[in-house]
C-alpha atoms as a PDB file:
ATOM      1  CA  ARG A   1     -22.549  -7.354  12.930  1.00  0.00           C
ATOM      2  CA  ARG A   2     -24.704  -9.782  14.796  1.00  0.00           C
ATOM      3  CA  ILE A   3     -26.452  -6.962  16.661  1.00  0.00           C
ATOM      4  CA  ASP A   4     -26.742  -4.731  13.569  1.00  0.00           C
ATOM      5  CA  PRO A   5     -27.091  -6.997  10.529  1.00  0.00           C
ATOM      6  CA  TYR A   6     -27.356  -3.976   8.202  1.00  0.00           C
ATOM      7  CA  ILE A   7     -23.539  -3.843   8.302  1.00  0.00           C
ATOM      8  CA  ASP A   8     -23.411  -6.900   6.007  1.00  0.00           C
ATOM      9  CA  ASP A   9     -24.678  -4.574   3.260  1.00  0.00           C
ATOM     10  CA  HIS A  10     -21.540  -2.399   3.462  1.00  0.00           C
ATOM     11  CA  ARG A  11     -18.601  -4.063   1.710  1.00  0.00           C
ATOM     12  CA  VAL A  12     -15.452  -3.023  -0.082  1.00  0.00           C
ATOM     13  CA  ASP A  13     -13.989  -5.627  -2.417  1.00  0.00           C
ATOM     14  CA  ASP A  14     -16.228  -8.188  -0.666  1.00  0.00           C
ATOM     15  CA  ALA A  15     -14.841  -7.412   2.820  1.00  0.00           C
ATOM     16  CA  ILE A  16     -17.244  -6.089   5.438  1.00  0.00           C
ATOM     17  CA  ILE A  17     -16.154  -2.643   6.545  1.00  0.00           C
ATOM     18  CA  PHE A  18     -17.803  -0.706   9.316  1.00  0.00           C
ATOM     19  CA  PRO A  19     -19.210   2.396   7.579  1.00  0.00           C
ATOM     20  CA  ALA A  20     -17.623   5.806   8.111  1.00  0.00           C
ATOM     21  CA  THR A  21     -21.131   7.051   8.852  1.00  0.00           C
ATOM     22  CA  GLY A  22     -21.255   4.442  11.636  1.00  0.00           C
ATOM     23  CA  HIS A  23     -18.150   6.046  13.151  1.00  0.00           C
ATOM     24  CA  LEU A  24     -20.000   9.376  13.131  1.00  0.00           C
ATOM     25  CA  GLU A  25     -23.022   7.763  14.797  1.00  0.00           C
ATOM     26  CA  ILE A  26     -20.862   6.202  17.533  1.00  0.00           C
ATOM     27  CA  ALA A  27     -18.975   9.468  18.127  1.00  0.00           C
ATOM     28  CA  THR A  28     -22.215  11.460  18.301  1.00  0.00           C
ATOM     29  CA  ALA A  29     -23.748   9.003  20.769  1.00  0.00           C
ATOM     30  CA  ALA A  30     -20.563   9.084  22.897  1.00  0.00           C
ATOM     31  CA  ALA A  31     -20.535  12.888  22.846  1.00  0.00           C
ATOM     32  CA  ARG A  32     -24.168  13.101  23.905  1.00  0.00           C
ATOM     33  CA  HIS A  33     -23.451  10.639  26.695  1.00  0.00           C
ATOM     34  CA  ALA A  34     -20.282  12.439  27.842  1.00  0.00           C
ATOM     35  CA  PHE A  35     -21.392  16.056  27.455  1.00  0.00           C
ATOM     36  CA  GLY A  36     -25.199  15.944  27.389  1.00  0.00           C
ATOM     37  CA  GLY A  37     -26.821  19.155  26.197  1.00  0.00           C
ATOM     38  CA  ASP A  38     -23.445  20.909  25.952  1.00  0.00           C
ATOM     39  CA  PHE A  39     -22.552  18.841  22.861  1.00  0.00           C
ATOM     40  CA  ASN A  40     -23.178  20.669  19.586  1.00  0.00           C
ATOM     41  CA  PHE A  41     -21.488  18.834  16.700  1.00  0.00           C
ATOM     42  CA  LEU A  42     -18.443  16.840  15.588  1.00  0.00           C
ATOM     43  CA  GLU A  43     -15.571  18.593  13.858  1.00  0.00           C
ATOM     44  CA  ASP A  44     -12.083  17.833  12.538  1.00  0.00           C
ATOM     45  CA  VAL A  45     -13.111  14.226  11.853  1.00  0.00           C
ATOM     46  CA  ASN A  46     -10.353  11.992  10.475  1.00  0.00           C
ATOM     47  CA  PHE A  47     -10.478   8.412   9.245  1.00  0.00           C
ATOM     48  CA  GLU A  48      -7.127   6.734   9.798  1.00  0.00           C
ATOM     49  CA  SER A  49      -7.810   3.116   8.851  1.00  0.00           C
ATOM     50  CA  ALA A  50     -10.764   0.995   7.826  1.00  0.00           C
ATOM     51  CA  LEU A  51     -12.457  -1.113  10.479  1.00  0.00           C
ATOM     52  CA  PHE A  52     -12.701  -4.490   8.746  1.00  0.00           C
ATOM     53  CA  LEU A  53     -15.192  -6.888  10.331  1.00  0.00           C
ATOM     54  CA  PRO A  54     -14.868 -10.670  10.156  1.00  0.00           C
ATOM     55  CA  ASP A  55     -17.463 -12.647   8.203  1.00  0.00           C
ATOM     56  CA  ASP A  56     -17.516 -15.192  11.005  1.00  0.00           C
ATOM     57  CA  GLY A  57     -15.725 -16.027  14.226  1.00  0.00           C
ATOM     58  CA  ALA A  58     -14.968 -13.722  17.109  1.00  0.00           C
ATOM     59  CA  MET A  59     -15.757 -10.046  16.724  1.00  0.00           C
ATOM     60  CA  TYR A  60     -13.174  -7.406  17.533  1.00  0.00           C
ATOM     61  CA  ASP A  61     -13.220  -5.358  20.682  1.00  0.00           C
ATOM     62  CA  VAL A  62     -14.206  -1.835  19.708  1.00  0.00           C
ATOM     63  CA  LYS A  63     -14.007   1.123  22.040  1.00  0.00           C
ATOM     64  CA  VAL A  64     -14.416   4.871  22.072  1.00  0.00           C
ATOM     65  CA  GLU A  65     -11.981   6.928  24.080  1.00  0.00           C
ATOM     66  CA  VAL A  66     -13.073  10.447  25.009  1.00  0.00           C
ATOM     67  CA  SER A  67     -10.795  13.126  26.429  1.00  0.00           C
ATOM     68  CA  SER A  68     -13.172  15.438  28.255  1.00  0.00           C
ATOM     69  CA  GLU A  69     -10.498  18.125  28.728  1.00  0.00           C
ATOM     70  CA  GLU A  70      -9.830  18.408  24.992  1.00  0.00           C
ATOM     71  CA  GLU A  71     -13.260  17.182  23.796  1.00  0.00           C
ATOM     72  CA  LYS A  72     -11.434  14.744  21.488  1.00  0.00           C
ATOM     73  CA  TYR A  73     -12.416  11.187  20.686  1.00  0.00           C
ATOM     74  CA  TRP A  74     -10.847   8.107  19.137  1.00  0.00           C
ATOM     75  CA  ILE A  75     -12.505   4.923  17.881  1.00  0.00           C
ATOM     76  CA  LEU A  76     -10.225   1.901  18.224  1.00  0.00           C
ATOM     77  CA  SER A  77     -10.387  -1.866  17.833  1.00  0.00           C
ATOM     78  CA  ARG A  78      -8.314  -4.938  18.519  1.00  0.00           C
ATOM     79  CA  ASP A  79      -8.467  -8.578  17.561  1.00  0.00           C
ATOM     80  CA  THR A  80      -9.933 -10.587  20.458  1.00  0.00           C
ATOM     81  CA  SER A  81      -8.364 -13.818  19.192  1.00  0.00           C
ATOM     82  CA  ASN A  82      -4.861 -12.439  19.818  1.00  0.00           C
ATOM     83  CA  PRO A  83      -4.166 -11.630  23.495  1.00  0.00           C
ATOM     84  CA  ASP A  84      -1.161  -9.506  22.463  1.00  0.00           C
ATOM     85  CA  ALA A  85      -3.068  -7.492  19.862  1.00  0.00           C
ATOM     86  CA  GLU A  86      -2.604  -3.751  20.044  1.00  0.00           C
ATOM     87  CA  TRP A  87      -5.421  -1.252  19.714  1.00  0.00           C
ATOM     88  CA  ILE A  88      -5.748   0.106  16.168  1.00  0.00           C
ATOM     89  CA  LYS A  89      -6.970   3.678  15.686  1.00  0.00           C
ATOM     90  CA  HIS A  90      -9.701   3.960  13.067  1.00  0.00           C
ATOM     91  CA  SER A  91     -11.091   7.451  13.435  1.00  0.00           C
ATOM     92  CA  ASN A  92     -10.848  10.532  15.599  1.00  0.00           C
ATOM     93  CA  GLY A  93     -12.198  14.005  15.887  1.00  0.00           C
ATOM     94  CA  LYS A  94     -13.367  16.735  18.181  1.00  0.00           C
ATOM     95  CA  MET A  95     -16.669  17.027  20.026  1.00  0.00           C
ATOM     96  CA  ASN A  96     -17.626  20.695  19.969  1.00  0.00           C
ATOM     97  CA  VAL A  97     -19.060  21.792  23.328  1.00  0.00           C
ATOM     98  CA  LEU A  98     -18.156  25.483  23.098  1.00  0.00           C
ATOM     99  CA  GLY A  99     -21.645  26.731  22.403  1.00  0.00           C
ATOM    100  CA  ASP A 100     -20.982  27.207  18.691  1.00  0.00           C
ATOM    101  CA  GLN A 101     -24.266  26.989  16.851  1.00  0.00           C
ATOM    102  CA  PHE A 102     -25.423  26.781  13.289  1.00  0.00           C
ATOM    103  CA  THR A 103     -28.576  28.622  12.397  1.00  0.00           C
ATOM    104  CA  SER A 104     -31.006  26.471  10.500  1.00  0.00           C
ATOM    105  CA  HIS A 105     -33.522  27.978   8.141  1.00  0.00           C
ATOM    106  CA  ALA A 106     -36.784  26.456   7.024  1.00  0.00           C
ATOM    107  CA  VAL A 107     -36.935  25.707   3.309  1.00  0.00           C
ATOM    108  CA  ASN A 108     -39.852  25.494   0.949  1.00  0.00           C
ATOM    109  CA  LEU A 109     -39.624  21.958  -0.477  1.00  0.00           C
ATOM    110  CA  THR A 110     -42.156  22.676  -3.243  1.00  0.00           C
ATOM    111  CA  GLU A 111     -40.066  25.628  -4.419  1.00  0.00           C
ATOM    112  CA  ILE A 112     -36.913  23.502  -4.423  1.00  0.00           C
ATOM    113  CA  GLN A 113     -38.671  20.696  -6.338  1.00  0.00           C
ATOM    114  CA  GLU A 114     -39.807  23.184  -8.986  1.00  0.00           C
ATOM    115  CA  ARG A 115     -36.288  24.578  -9.382  1.00  0.00           C
ATOM    116  CA  VAL A 116     -34.250  21.356  -9.100  1.00  0.00           C
ATOM    117  CA  ASN A 117     -36.097  19.222 -11.621  1.00  0.00           C
ATOM    118  CA  ASP A 118     -33.623  17.574 -14.007  1.00  0.00           C
ATOM    119  CA  ARG A 119     -33.909  13.884 -13.122  1.00  0.00           C
ATOM    120  CA  LEU A 120     -30.670  11.975 -12.716  1.00  0.00           C
ATOM    121  CA  PRO A 121     -30.757   8.169 -12.909  1.00  0.00           C
ATOM    122  CA  VAL A 122     -29.724   6.531  -9.633  1.00  0.00           C
ATOM    123  CA  GLN A 123     -28.701   3.040 -10.765  1.00  0.00           C
ATOM    124  CA  PRO A 124     -25.680   4.158 -12.866  1.00  0.00           C
ATOM    125  CA  MET A 125     -24.247   5.861  -9.767  1.00  0.00           C
ATOM    126  CA  TYR A 126     -24.488   2.638  -7.737  1.00  0.00           C
ATOM    127  CA  LEU A 127     -22.947   0.687 -10.650  1.00  0.00           C
ATOM    128  CA  GLU A 128     -20.062   3.168 -10.754  1.00  0.00           C
ATOM    129  CA  LEU A 129     -19.536   2.732  -7.004  1.00  0.00           C
ATOM    130  CA  LYS A 130     -19.580  -1.053  -7.460  1.00  0.00           C
ATOM    131  CA  LYS A 131     -16.939  -0.826 -10.204  1.00  0.00           C
ATOM    132  CA  SER A 132     -14.700   1.006  -7.742  1.00  0.00           C
ATOM    133  CA  GLY A 133     -15.085  -1.834  -5.210  1.00  0.00           C
ATOM    134  CA  LEU A 134     -17.887  -0.425  -3.041  1.00  0.00           C
ATOM    135  CA  GLN A 135     -20.566  -3.104  -2.799  1.00  0.00           C
ATOM    136  CA  TYR A 136     -23.736  -1.836  -1.208  1.00  0.00           C
ATOM    137  CA  GLY A 137     -26.636  -4.105  -0.406  1.00  0.00           C
ATOM    138  CA  PRO A 138     -30.255  -2.923  -0.402  1.00  0.00           C
ATOM    139  CA  ILE A 139     -30.015  -1.243   3.001  1.00  0.00           C
ATOM    140  CA  PHE A 140     -27.268   1.105   1.792  1.00  0.00           C
ATOM    141  CA  LYS A 141     -28.987   1.786  -1.545  1.00  0.00           C
ATOM    142  CA  ALA A 142     -31.347   4.262   0.071  1.00  0.00           C
ATOM    143  CA  ILE A 143     -31.453   6.843  -2.739  1.00  0.00           C
ATOM    144  CA  LYS A 144     -34.668   6.349  -4.702  1.00  0.00           C
ATOM    145  CA  ASN A 145     -34.625   9.456  -6.907  1.00  0.00           C
ATOM    146  CA  LEU A 146     -32.213  12.273  -7.729  1.00  0.00           C
ATOM    147  CA  TRP A 147     -32.697  15.622  -9.418  1.00  0.00           C
ATOM    148  CA  VAL A 148     -30.012  18.165 -10.313  1.00  0.00           C
ATOM    149  CA  VAL A 149     -29.701  21.653 -11.698  1.00  0.00           C
ATOM    150  CA  ASP A 150     -26.527  23.751 -11.798  1.00  0.00           C
ATOM    151  CA  GLN A 151     -24.887  23.411  -8.373  1.00  0.00           C
ATOM    152  CA  GLU A 152     -27.906  21.917  -6.576  1.00  0.00           C
ATOM    153  CA  ILE A 153     -29.015  18.340  -6.027  1.00  0.00           C
ATOM    154  CA  LEU A 154     -32.175  16.985  -4.464  1.00  0.00           C
ATOM    155  CA  GLY A 155     -32.513  13.378  -3.413  1.00  0.00           C
ATOM    156  CA  LYS A 156     -35.353  11.198  -2.226  1.00  0.00           C
ATOM    157  CA  ILE A 157     -33.916   8.895   0.426  1.00  0.00           C
ATOM    158  CA  GLU A 158     -35.903   6.076   1.991  1.00  0.00           C
ATOM    159  CA  LEU A 159     -35.052   4.050   5.039  1.00  0.00           C
ATOM    160  CA  HIS A 160     -35.028   0.339   4.207  1.00  0.00           C
ATOM    161  CA  GLU A 161     -38.122  -1.412   5.575  1.00  0.00           C
ATOM    162  CA  SER A 162     -35.991  -3.809   7.638  1.00  0.00           C
ATOM    163  CA  LEU A 163     -34.791  -0.836   9.727  1.00  0.00           C
ATOM    164  CA  GLU A 164     -38.169   0.717  10.528  1.00  0.00           C
ATOM    165  CA  TYR A 165     -38.436  -0.702  14.031  1.00  0.00           C
ATOM    166  CA  GLU A 166     -34.898   0.026  15.181  1.00  0.00           C
ATOM    167  CA  VAL A 167     -34.260   3.454  13.705  1.00  0.00           C
ATOM    168  CA  GLU A 168     -35.244   5.255  16.935  1.00  0.00           C
ATOM    169  CA  LYS A 169     -32.091   4.034  18.663  1.00  0.00           C
ATOM    170  CA  TYR A 170     -29.894   6.051  16.275  1.00  0.00           C
ATOM    171  CA  ASN A 171     -29.201   9.762  16.072  1.00  0.00           C
ATOM    172  CA  LEU A 172     -29.124   9.329  12.289  1.00  0.00           C
ATOM    173  CA  HIS A 173     -28.943   5.828  10.869  1.00  0.00           C
ATOM    174  CA  PRO A 174     -25.626   5.222   9.045  1.00  0.00           C
ATOM    175  CA  SER A 175     -27.417   4.063   5.890  1.00  0.00           C
ATOM    176  CA  VAL A 176     -29.386   7.326   5.685  1.00  0.00           C
ATOM    177  CA  LEU A 177     -26.343   9.518   6.278  1.00  0.00           C
ATOM    178  CA  GLY A 178     -24.438   7.356   3.775  1.00  0.00           C
ATOM    179  CA  ALA A 179     -27.143   7.988   1.181  1.00  0.00           C
ATOM    180  CA  CYS A 180     -26.829  11.737   1.800  1.00  0.00           C
ATOM    181  CA  LEU A 181     -23.118  11.447   1.041  1.00  0.00           C
ATOM    182  CA  HIS A 182     -23.859   9.364  -2.055  1.00  0.00           C
ATOM    183  CA  THR A 183     -25.878  12.284  -3.457  1.00  0.00           C
ATOM    184  CA  ILE A 184     -22.660  14.324  -3.440  1.00  0.00           C
ATOM    185  CA  PHE A 185     -20.929  11.588  -5.455  1.00  0.00           C
ATOM    186  CA  ALA A 186     -23.887  11.504  -7.855  1.00  0.00           C
ATOM    187  CA  ALA A 187     -23.771  15.271  -8.294  1.00  0.00           C
ATOM    188  CA  LYS A 188     -20.049  15.163  -9.037  1.00  0.00           C
ATOM    189  CA  LYS A 189     -20.538  12.371 -11.571  1.00  0.00           C
ATOM    190  CA  SER A 190     -23.290  14.345 -13.273  1.00  0.00           C
ATOM    191  CA  THR A 191     -20.899  17.268 -13.900  1.00  0.00           C
ATOM    192  CA  ASP A 192     -18.021  15.068 -15.180  1.00  0.00           C
END
């Protein structure tokens, strides 16, 4: 929290929770460190328990364990104020190093913008998330515009200005990936 103050903008029922997208960032960084260019993607990701962060006082010890034989990882924490505290598992998954690849295809953004053009208001989605206990500060409210049509959604996502000078140290900043996931929630709400 003290190193990455953006985490203060990610709360559930007023408690600071390390974002699930932060788990993905840590696991990706660990995989790139452990396997280098052989790492392709994460798979079979599971979230076992929330990683609550204290508002003040001592931070928890957090670690990533990687099993290179199985390409599995675990993210764990323990309370540093309790010398007998056990490690708590928060998330786990598999680091794919088998050479599996996804083929990416270039898209024509202008064509997509012409087709996906029914504007969807963003603020009601964030209000709905807040009603369910998810309290996002400005850094995690990165969706600026949304458009939908049928089964497609297009979002304009902007990195918060406070993150501009540190974004290079991330594979994909958790607030940006979080906003991508929020578009899925918005699309679902628009069809309800």
